[in-house]
PDB file of N, CA and C in Angstrom:
ATOM      1  N   UNK A   1     -24.172  41.013 -23.538  1.00  0.00           N
ATOM      2  CA  UNK A   1     -24.927  40.285 -22.223  1.00  0.00           C
ATOM      3  C   UNK A   1     -24.853  40.277 -20.973  1.00  0.00           C
ATOM      4  N   UNK A   2     -24.297  39.742 -20.432  1.00  0.00           N
ATOM      5  CA  UNK A   2     -23.848  39.393 -18.797  1.00  0.00           C
ATOM      6  C   UNK A   2     -23.663  41.013 -18.686  1.00  0.00           C
ATOM      7  N   UNK A   3     -23.367  42.047 -19.259  1.00  0.00           N
ATOM      8  CA  UNK A   3     -23.305  43.514 -19.217  1.00  0.00           C
ATOM      9  C   UNK A   3     -25.039  44.078 -17.985  1.00  0.00           C
ATOM     10  N   UNK A   4     -25.734  43.823 -18.760  1.00  0.00           N
ATOM     11  CA  UNK A   4     -27.252  44.158 -18.576  1.00  0.00           C
ATOM     12  C   UNK A   4     -27.549  43.483 -17.966  1.00  0.00           C
ATOM     13  N   UNK A   5     -27.371  42.301 -16.945  1.00  0.00           N
ATOM     14  CA  UNK A   5     -27.970  41.378 -16.001  1.00  0.00           C
ATOM     15  C   UNK A   5     -27.631  42.056 -14.614  1.00  0.00           C
ATOM     16  N   UNK A   6     -28.468  42.543 -14.081  1.00  0.00           N
ATOM     17  CA  UNK A   6     -28.281  41.885 -12.376  1.00  0.00           C
ATOM     18  C   UNK A   6     -27.053  41.235 -11.534  1.00  0.00           C
ATOM     19  N   UNK A   7     -26.249  41.767 -11.200  1.00  0.00           N
ATOM     20  CA  UNK A   7     -25.010  40.803  -9.921  1.00  0.00           C
ATOM     21  C   UNK A   7     -26.004  39.229  -9.602  1.00  0.00           C
ATOM     22  N   UNK A   8     -26.550  39.767  -9.186  1.00  0.00           N
ATOM     23  CA  UNK A   8     -27.407  38.400  -8.108  1.00  0.00           C
ATOM     24  C   UNK A   8     -27.597  37.431  -9.772  1.00  0.00           C
ATOM     25  N   UNK A   9     -28.038  37.803 -11.010  1.00  0.00           N
ATOM     26  CA  UNK A   9     -28.441  36.916 -11.910  1.00  0.00           C
ATOM     27  C   UNK A   9     -27.123  36.492 -12.372  1.00  0.00           C
ATOM     28  N   UNK A  10     -25.852  37.294 -12.618  1.00  0.00           N
ATOM     29  CA  UNK A  10     -24.666  37.075 -12.844  1.00  0.00           C
ATOM     30  C   UNK A  10     -24.475  36.022 -12.283  1.00  0.00           C
ATOM     31  N   UNK A  11     -24.299  36.148 -10.911  1.00  0.00           N
ATOM     32  CA  UNK A  11     -23.444  34.906  -9.729  1.00  0.00           C
ATOM     33  C   UNK A  11     -24.441  33.144 -10.218  1.00  0.00           C
ATOM     34  N   UNK A  12     -25.741  33.947 -10.046  1.00  0.00           N
ATOM     35  CA  UNK A  12     -26.487  32.476 -10.391  1.00  0.00           C
ATOM     36  C   UNK A  12     -26.158  31.682 -11.991  1.00  0.00           C
ATOM     37  N   UNK A  13     -25.770  33.011 -12.427  1.00  0.00           N
ATOM     38  CA  UNK A  13     -25.376  32.430 -13.965  1.00  0.00           C
ATOM     39  C   UNK A  13     -24.305  30.832 -13.799  1.00  0.00           C
ATOM     40  N   UNK A  14     -23.142  31.928 -12.634  1.00  0.00           N
ATOM     41  CA  UNK A  14     -22.303  31.833 -12.496  1.00  0.00           C
ATOM     42  C   UNK A  14     -22.071  30.435 -11.847  1.00  0.00           C
ATOM     43  N   UNK A  15     -23.006  30.565 -10.941  1.00  0.00           N
ATOM     44  CA  UNK A  15     -22.905  28.905 -10.043  1.00  0.00           C
ATOM     45  C   UNK A  15     -23.520  28.168 -10.891  1.00  0.00           C
ATOM     46  N   UNK A  16     -24.746  28.411 -11.341  1.00  0.00           N
ATOM     47  CA  UNK A  16     -25.113  27.039 -12.396  1.00  0.00           C
ATOM     48  C   UNK A  16     -24.189  26.538 -13.585  1.00  0.00           C
ATOM     49  N   UNK A  17     -23.485  27.126 -13.941  1.00  0.00           N
ATOM     50  CA  UNK A  17     -22.528  26.641 -14.586  1.00  0.00           C
ATOM     51  C   UNK A  17     -20.924  25.663 -14.567  1.00  0.00           C
ATOM     52  N   UNK A  18     -20.712  26.112 -13.081  1.00  0.00           N
ATOM     53  CA  UNK A  18     -20.064  25.474 -12.269  1.00  0.00           C
ATOM     54  C   UNK A  18     -20.907  24.313 -11.942  1.00  0.00           C
ATOM     55  N   UNK A  19     -22.036  24.412 -11.542  1.00  0.00           N
ATOM     56  CA  UNK A  19     -22.286  23.195 -10.985  1.00  0.00           C
ATOM     57  C   UNK A  19     -22.811  21.761 -11.786  1.00  0.00           C
ATOM     58  N   UNK A  20     -23.074  22.500 -13.141  1.00  0.00           N
ATOM     59  CA  UNK A  20     -23.175  21.944 -14.302  1.00  0.00           C
ATOM     60  C   UNK A  20     -21.588  20.978 -14.658  1.00  0.00           C
ATOM     61  N   UNK A  21     -20.825  21.544 -14.492  1.00  0.00           N
ATOM     62  CA  UNK A  21     -19.239  21.377 -14.432  1.00  0.00           C
ATOM     63  C   UNK A  21     -18.724  20.021 -13.118  1.00  0.00           C
ATOM     64  N   UNK A  22     -19.724  20.274 -12.604  1.00  0.00           N
ATOM     65  CA  UNK A  22     -18.753  19.378 -11.211  1.00  0.00           C
ATOM     66  C   UNK A  22     -19.838  18.264 -11.713  1.00  0.00           C
ATOM     67  N   UNK A  23     -21.169  18.845 -12.314  1.00  0.00           N
ATOM     68  CA  UNK A  23     -22.210  17.190 -12.401  1.00  0.00           C
ATOM     69  C   UNK A  23     -21.633  16.214 -13.541  1.00  0.00           C
ATOM     70  N   UNK A  24     -20.290  17.151 -14.633  1.00  0.00           N
ATOM     71  CA  UNK A  24     -20.165  16.716 -15.610  1.00  0.00           C
ATOM     72  C   UNK A  24     -18.393  16.009 -15.461  1.00  0.00           C
ATOM     73  N   UNK A  25     -17.983  16.090 -14.412  1.00  0.00           N
ATOM     74  CA  UNK A  25     -16.741  15.510 -14.303  1.00  0.00           C
ATOM     75  C   UNK A  25     -17.045  14.434 -13.224  1.00  0.00           C
ATOM     76  N   UNK A  26     -18.413  14.600 -12.525  1.00  0.00           N
ATOM     77  CA  UNK A  26     -18.556  13.181 -11.353  1.00  0.00           C
ATOM     78  C   UNK A  26     -19.795  12.154 -12.767  1.00  0.00           C
ATOM     79  N   UNK A  27     -20.291  12.710 -13.630  1.00  0.00           N
ATOM     80  CA  UNK A  27     -20.634  11.443 -14.524  1.00  0.00           C
ATOM     81  C   UNK A  27     -19.182  10.742 -15.238  1.00  0.00           C
ATOM     82  N   UNK A  28     -18.100  11.231 -15.297  1.00  0.00           N
ATOM     83  CA  UNK A  28     -17.217  10.844 -16.238  1.00  0.00           C
ATOM     84  C   UNK A  28     -16.244   9.958 -14.825  1.00  0.00           C
ATOM     85  N   UNK A  29     -16.332  10.715 -13.988  1.00  0.00           N
ATOM     86  CA  UNK A  29     -15.729   9.827 -12.703  1.00  0.00           C
ATOM     87  C   UNK A  29     -16.266   8.483 -12.425  1.00  0.00           C
ATOM     88  N   UNK A  30     -17.879   8.510 -12.565  1.00  0.00           N
ATOM     89  CA  UNK A  30     -18.947   7.440 -12.207  1.00  0.00           C
ATOM     90  C   UNK A  30     -18.568   6.326 -13.481  1.00  0.00           C
ATOM     91  N   UNK A  31     -18.441   7.212 -14.861  1.00  0.00           N
ATOM     92  CA  UNK A  31     -18.245   6.091 -15.578  1.00  0.00           C
ATOM     93  C   UNK A  31     -17.295   5.594 -15.656  1.00  0.00           C
ATOM     94  N   UNK A  32     -15.941   5.674 -15.583  1.00  0.00           N
ATOM     95  CA  UNK A  32     -14.675   5.250 -15.620  1.00  0.00           C
ATOM     96  C   UNK A  32     -14.188   4.742 -14.426  1.00  0.00           C
ATOM     97  N   UNK A  33     -15.101   4.437 -13.488  1.00  0.00           N
ATOM     98  CA  UNK A  33     -15.239   3.994 -12.176  1.00  0.00           C
ATOM     99  C   UNK A  33     -15.446   2.536 -12.207  1.00  0.00           C
ATOM    100  N   UNK A  34     -16.715   2.885 -13.590  1.00  0.00           N
ATOM    101  CA  UNK A  34     -17.375   1.285 -13.762  1.00  0.00           C
ATOM    102  C   UNK A  34     -16.749   0.379 -14.778  1.00  0.00           C
ATOM    103  N   UNK A  35     -16.090   1.212 -15.972  1.00  0.00           N
ATOM    104  CA  UNK A  35     -15.085   0.812 -16.774  1.00  0.00           C
ATOM    105  C   UNK A  35     -13.598  -0.139 -15.719  1.00  0.00           C
ATOM    106  N   UNK A  36     -13.502   0.727 -15.099  1.00  0.00           N
ATOM    107  CA  UNK A  36     -12.113   0.282 -14.248  1.00  0.00           C
ATOM    108  C   UNK A  36     -12.390  -1.092 -13.258  1.00  0.00           C
ATOM    109  N   UNK A  37     -14.157  -1.011 -12.892  1.00  0.00           N
ATOM    110  CA  UNK A  37     -14.462  -2.119 -12.070  1.00  0.00           C
ATOM    111  C   UNK A  37     -14.628  -3.563 -12.869  1.00  0.00           C
ATOM    112  N   UNK A  38     -14.563  -3.240 -14.146  1.00  0.00           N
ATOM    113  CA  UNK A  38     -14.740  -4.568 -15.401  1.00  0.00           C
ATOM    114  C   UNK A  38     -13.838  -4.917 -15.902  1.00  0.00           C
ATOM    115  N   UNK A  39     -12.764  -3.968 -16.059  1.00  0.00           N
ATOM    116  CA  UNK A  39     -11.258  -4.575 -15.919  1.00  0.00           C
ATOM    117  C   UNK A  39     -10.813  -5.360 -15.495  1.00  0.00           C
ATOM    118  N   UNK A  40     -11.104  -5.292 -13.519  1.00  0.00           N
ATOM    119  CA  UNK A  40     -10.859  -5.547 -12.636  1.00  0.00           C
ATOM    120  C   UNK A  40     -11.549  -7.472 -12.151  1.00  0.00           C
ATOM    121  N   UNK A  41     -12.218  -6.720 -12.476  1.00  0.00           N
ATOM    122  CA  UNK A  41     -12.822  -8.253 -12.637  1.00  0.00           C
ATOM    123  C   UNK A  41     -12.149  -9.221 -14.035  1.00  0.00           C
ATOM    124  N   UNK A  42     -12.020  -8.798 -14.931  1.00  0.00           N
ATOM    125  CA  UNK A  42     -11.450  -9.320 -16.070  1.00  0.00           C
ATOM    126  C   UNK A  42     -10.449  -9.874 -15.658  1.00  0.00           C
ATOM    127  N   UNK A  43      -9.955  -9.362 -14.812  1.00  0.00           N
ATOM    128  CA  UNK A  43      -8.171  -9.144 -14.723  1.00  0.00           C
ATOM    129  C   UNK A  43      -8.299 -10.545 -13.439  1.00  0.00           C
ATOM    130  N   UNK A  44      -9.162 -10.534 -12.552  1.00  0.00           N
ATOM    131  CA  UNK A  44      -8.920 -11.720 -11.848  1.00  0.00           C
ATOM    132  C   UNK A  44      -9.456 -12.707 -11.938  1.00  0.00           C
ATOM    133  N   UNK A  45     -10.523 -13.001 -13.292  1.00  0.00           N
ATOM    134  CA  UNK A  45     -10.879 -13.836 -13.965  1.00  0.00           C
ATOM    135  C   UNK A  45      -9.657 -14.668 -14.390  1.00  0.00           C
ATOM    136  N   UNK A  46      -8.518 -13.533 -15.331  1.00  0.00           N
ATOM    137  CA  UNK A  46      -8.006 -14.140 -16.306  1.00  0.00           C
ATOM    138  C   UNK A  46      -6.609 -14.645 -15.410  1.00  0.00           C
ATOM    139  N   UNK A  47      -6.170 -14.130 -14.064  1.00  0.00           N
ATOM    140  CA  UNK A  47      -5.520 -14.409 -12.768  1.00  0.00           C
ATOM    141  C   UNK A  47      -5.278 -15.710 -12.242  1.00  0.00           C
ATOM    142  N   UNK A  48      -7.416 -15.846 -12.146  1.00  0.00           N
ATOM    143  CA  UNK A  48      -7.775 -17.030 -11.392  1.00  0.00           C
ATOM    144  C   UNK A  48      -7.641 -18.418 -12.994  1.00  0.00           C
ATOM    145  N   UNK A  49      -7.283 -18.478 -14.198  1.00  0.00           N
ATOM    146  CA  UNK A  49      -7.670 -18.965 -15.047  1.00  0.00           C
ATOM    147  C   UNK A  49      -6.200 -19.444 -15.301  1.00  0.00           C
ATOM    148  N   UNK A  50      -5.181 -18.918 -14.740  1.00  0.00           N
ATOM    149  CA  UNK A  50      -3.851 -18.995 -15.283  1.00  0.00           C
ATOM    150  C   UNK A  50      -3.290 -19.775 -13.655  1.00  0.00           C
ATOM    151  N   UNK A  51      -3.774 -19.598 -12.160  1.00  0.00           N
ATOM    152  CA  UNK A  51      -3.628 -20.744 -11.218  1.00  0.00           C
ATOM    153  C   UNK A  51      -3.705 -21.656 -11.730  1.00  0.00           C
ATOM    154  N   UNK A  52      -5.113 -21.814 -12.626  1.00  0.00           N
ATOM    155  CA  UNK A  52      -5.591 -23.033 -12.197  1.00  0.00           C
ATOM    156  C   UNK A  52      -5.083 -24.063 -13.345  1.00  0.00           C
ATOM    157  N   UNK A  53      -4.117 -23.159 -14.260  1.00  0.00           N
ATOM    158  CA  UNK A  53      -3.305 -24.094 -15.741  1.00  0.00           C
ATOM    159  C   UNK A  53      -1.862 -24.262 -14.818  1.00  0.00           C
ATOM    160  N   UNK A  54      -1.650 -23.014 -14.382  1.00  0.00           N
ATOM    161  CA  UNK A  54      -0.400 -23.561 -12.997  1.00  0.00           C
ATOM    162  C   UNK A  54      -0.627 -24.399 -12.661  1.00  0.00           C
ATOM    163  N   UNK A  55      -1.772 -25.689 -11.646  1.00  0.00           N
ATOM    164  CA  UNK A  55      -2.100 -26.790 -11.159  1.00  0.00           C
ATOM    165  C   UNK A  55      -2.089 -27.953 -11.981  1.00  0.00           C
ATOM    166  N   UNK A  56      -2.356 -27.073 -12.571  1.00  0.00           N
ATOM    167  CA  UNK A  56      -2.693 -28.564 -13.814  1.00  0.00           C
ATOM    168  C   UNK A  56      -1.539 -28.925 -14.464  1.00  0.00           C
ATOM    169  N   UNK A  57      -0.327 -27.805 -14.707  1.00  0.00           N
ATOM    170  CA  UNK A  57       0.465 -28.752 -15.480  1.00  0.00           C
ATOM    171  C   UNK A  57       1.469 -29.406 -14.500  1.00  0.00           C
ATOM    172  N   UNK A  58       1.342 -28.524 -12.842  1.00  0.00           N
ATOM    173  CA  UNK A  58       2.156 -29.047 -11.995  1.00  0.00           C
ATOM    174  C   UNK A  58       1.755 -30.912 -11.656  1.00  0.00           C
ATOM    175  N   UNK A  59       0.132 -30.608 -12.259  1.00  0.00           N
ATOM    176  CA  UNK A  59      -0.103 -32.230 -11.383  1.00  0.00           C
ATOM    177  C   UNK A  59       0.195 -33.097 -12.637  1.00  0.00           C
ATOM    178  N   UNK A  60       0.346 -32.577 -13.649  1.00  0.00           N
ATOM    179  CA  UNK A  60       0.743 -33.816 -14.963  1.00  0.00           C
ATOM    180  C   UNK A  60       1.934 -33.681 -14.500  1.00  0.00           C
ATOM    181  N   UNK A  61       2.587 -32.706 -14.361  1.00  0.00           N
ATOM    182  CA  UNK A  61       4.869 -33.242 -14.148  1.00  0.00           C
ATOM    183  C   UNK A  61       4.564 -34.228 -13.180  1.00  0.00           C
ATOM    184  N   UNK A  62       4.036 -33.788 -11.843  1.00  0.00           N
ATOM    185  CA  UNK A  62       4.163 -35.454 -10.713  1.00  0.00           C
ATOM    186  C   UNK A  62       2.981 -36.560 -10.694  1.00  0.00           C
ATOM    187  N   UNK A  63       2.532 -36.681 -12.186  1.00  0.00           N
ATOM    188  CA  UNK A  63       2.046 -37.703 -12.162  1.00  0.00           C
ATOM    189  C   UNK A  63       3.075 -38.643 -13.435  1.00  0.00           C
ATOM    190  N   UNK A  64       3.631 -37.327 -14.074  1.00  0.00           N
ATOM    191  CA  UNK A  64       4.607 -38.103 -15.644  1.00  0.00           C
ATOM    192  C   UNK A  64       5.433 -38.576 -14.391  1.00  0.00           C
ATOM    193  N   UNK A  65       6.064 -37.744 -13.057  1.00  0.00           N
ATOM    194  CA  UNK A  65       7.231 -37.966 -12.721  1.00  0.00           C
ATOM    195  C   UNK A  65       6.727 -39.546 -11.550  1.00  0.00           C
ATOM    196  N   UNK A  66       5.629 -39.913 -11.077  1.00  0.00           N
ATOM    197  CA  UNK A  66       5.665 -40.740 -10.767  1.00  0.00           C
ATOM    198  C   UNK A  66       5.351 -42.099 -11.126  1.00  0.00           C
ATOM    199  N   UNK A  67       5.044 -42.278 -11.936  1.00  0.00           N
ATOM    200  CA  UNK A  67       5.175 -42.921 -13.700  1.00  0.00           C
ATOM    201  C   UNK A  67       6.359 -43.748 -14.079  1.00  0.00           C
ATOM    202  N   UNK A  68       7.057 -42.272 -14.403  1.00  0.00           N
ATOM    203  CA  UNK A  68       8.559 -42.648 -14.424  1.00  0.00           C
ATOM    204  C   UNK A  68       9.728 -43.309 -13.085  1.00  0.00           C
ATOM    205  N   UNK A  69       9.181 -42.782 -11.936  1.00  0.00           N
ATOM    206  CA  UNK A  69       9.607 -43.400 -10.823  1.00  0.00           C
ATOM    207  C   UNK A  69       8.952 -45.434 -10.924  1.00  0.00           C
ATOM    208  N   UNK A  70       7.886 -45.210 -10.636  1.00  0.00           N
ATOM    209  CA  UNK A  70       7.080 -46.743 -10.870  1.00  0.00           C
ATOM    210  C   UNK A  70       7.433 -47.357 -12.086  1.00  0.00           C
ATOM    211  N   UNK A  71       8.165 -47.049 -13.018  1.00  0.00           N
ATOM    212  CA  UNK A  71       8.589 -48.077 -13.762  1.00  0.00           C
ATOM    213  C   UNK A  71       9.968 -48.142 -14.415  1.00  0.00           C
ATOM    214  N   UNK A  72      10.560 -47.340 -13.729  1.00  0.00           N
ATOM    215  CA  UNK A  72      12.158 -47.355 -12.854  1.00  0.00           C
ATOM    216  C   UNK A  72      12.184 -48.378 -11.232  1.00  0.00           C
ATOM    217  N   UNK A  73      10.979 -48.661 -10.919  1.00  0.00           N
ATOM    218  CA  UNK A  73      11.445 -49.210  -9.366  1.00  0.00           C
ATOM    219  C   UNK A  73      11.628 -50.765 -10.082  1.00  0.00           C
ATOM    220  N   UNK A  74      10.718 -50.798 -11.043  1.00  0.00           N
ATOM    221  CA  UNK A  74      10.111 -52.442 -11.148  1.00  0.00           C
ATOM    222  C   UNK A  74       9.425 -52.845  -9.776  1.00  0.00           C
ATOM    223  N   UNK A  75       8.979 -51.975  -9.004  1.00  0.00           N
ATOM    224  CA  UNK A  75       7.966 -52.638  -8.067  1.00  0.00           C
ATOM    225  C   UNK A  75       6.695 -54.072  -9.555  1.00  0.00           C
ATOM    226  N   UNK A  76       6.408 -53.180 -10.412  1.00  0.00           N
ATOM    227  CA  UNK A  76       5.321 -53.815 -10.658  1.00  0.00           C
ATOM    228  C   UNK A  76       5.808 -55.830 -10.833  1.00  0.00           C
ATOM    229  N   UNK A  77       7.047 -55.814 -11.567  1.00  0.00           N
ATOM    230  CA  UNK A  77       7.469 -56.907 -11.710  1.00  0.00           C
ATOM    231  C   UNK A  77       7.677 -57.921 -10.332  1.00  0.00           C
ATOM    232  N   UNK A  78       7.695 -57.411  -9.032  1.00  0.00           N
ATOM    233  CA  UNK A  78       8.169 -58.426  -7.304  1.00  0.00           C
ATOM    234  C   UNK A  78       7.087 -57.845  -7.310  1.00  0.00           C
ATOM    235  N   UNK A  79       5.557 -57.110  -7.616  1.00  0.00           N
ATOM    236  CA  UNK A  79       4.596 -57.578  -6.612  1.00  0.00           C
ATOM    237  C   UNK A  79       3.749 -58.982  -7.392  1.00  0.00           C
ATOM    238  N   UNK A  80       2.673 -59.204  -6.335  1.00  0.00           N
ATOM    239  CA  UNK A  80       1.935 -60.625  -6.326  1.00  0.00           C
ATOM    240  C   UNK A  80       1.242 -60.764  -7.764  1.00  0.00           C
ATOM    241  N   UNK A  81       0.838 -59.351  -8.041  1.00  0.00           N
ATOM    242  CA  UNK A  81      -0.172 -58.661  -9.086  1.00  0.00           C
ATOM    243  C   UNK A  81       0.876 -58.973 -10.784  1.00  0.00           C
ATOM    244  N   UNK A  82       1.729 -58.501 -10.484  1.00  0.00           N
ATOM    245  CA  UNK A  82       3.136 -58.413 -11.448  1.00  0.00           C
ATOM    246  C   UNK A  82       3.039 -60.254 -12.146  1.00  0.00           C
ATOM    247  N   UNK A  83       3.450 -60.602 -11.154  1.00  0.00           N
ATOM    248  CA  UNK A  83       4.357 -61.980 -10.957  1.00  0.00           C
ATOM    249  C   UNK A  83       2.608 -63.142 -11.454  1.00  0.00           C
ATOM    250  N   UNK A  84       1.655 -62.980 -11.007  1.00  0.00           N
ATOM    251  CA  UNK A  84       0.424 -62.811 -12.253  1.00  0.00           C
ATOM    252  C   UNK A  84       0.079 -63.516 -12.812  1.00  0.00           C
ATOM    253  N   UNK A  85       0.501 -62.260 -13.539  1.00  0.00           N
ATOM    254  CA  UNK A  85       0.349 -61.994 -14.980  1.00  0.00           C
ATOM    255  C   UNK A  85       1.530 -61.927 -15.815  1.00  0.00           C
ATOM    256  N   UNK A  86       2.989 -62.659 -15.332  1.00  0.00           N
ATOM    257  CA  UNK A  86       3.796 -63.357 -15.851  1.00  0.00           C
ATOM    258  C   UNK A  86       3.400 -64.864 -16.386  1.00  0.00           C
ATOM    259  N   UNK A  87       2.598 -65.902 -15.071  1.00  0.00           N
ATOM    260  CA  UNK A  87       2.506 -66.617 -14.791  1.00  0.00           C
ATOM    261  C   UNK A  87       2.004 -67.267 -16.557  1.00  0.00           C
ATOM    262  N   UNK A  88       0.642 -65.919 -16.406  1.00  0.00           N
ATOM    263  CA  UNK A  88      -0.819 -65.947 -17.282  1.00  0.00           C
ATOM    264  C   UNK A  88      -0.211 -66.197 -18.845  1.00  0.00           C
TER     265      UNK A  88
END
């Protein structure tokens, strides 16, 4: 089939095949890039959630520590508010 064509026709046919191959590779790379972008966005969202969870855990720990420290110090028993509630 290709033997019966002129050299210019065969060159143009080969060039066209190469162009189609390049378009296919570009299309695949664009699709993969979009897929990667959505994966990176999802990863950033999950990392943000993880950071928020760590901050919440830290604040809960700090609140518990301060409550325990407050209860252990006996400050409420020595304060005027605590004295007033004991008298009532």
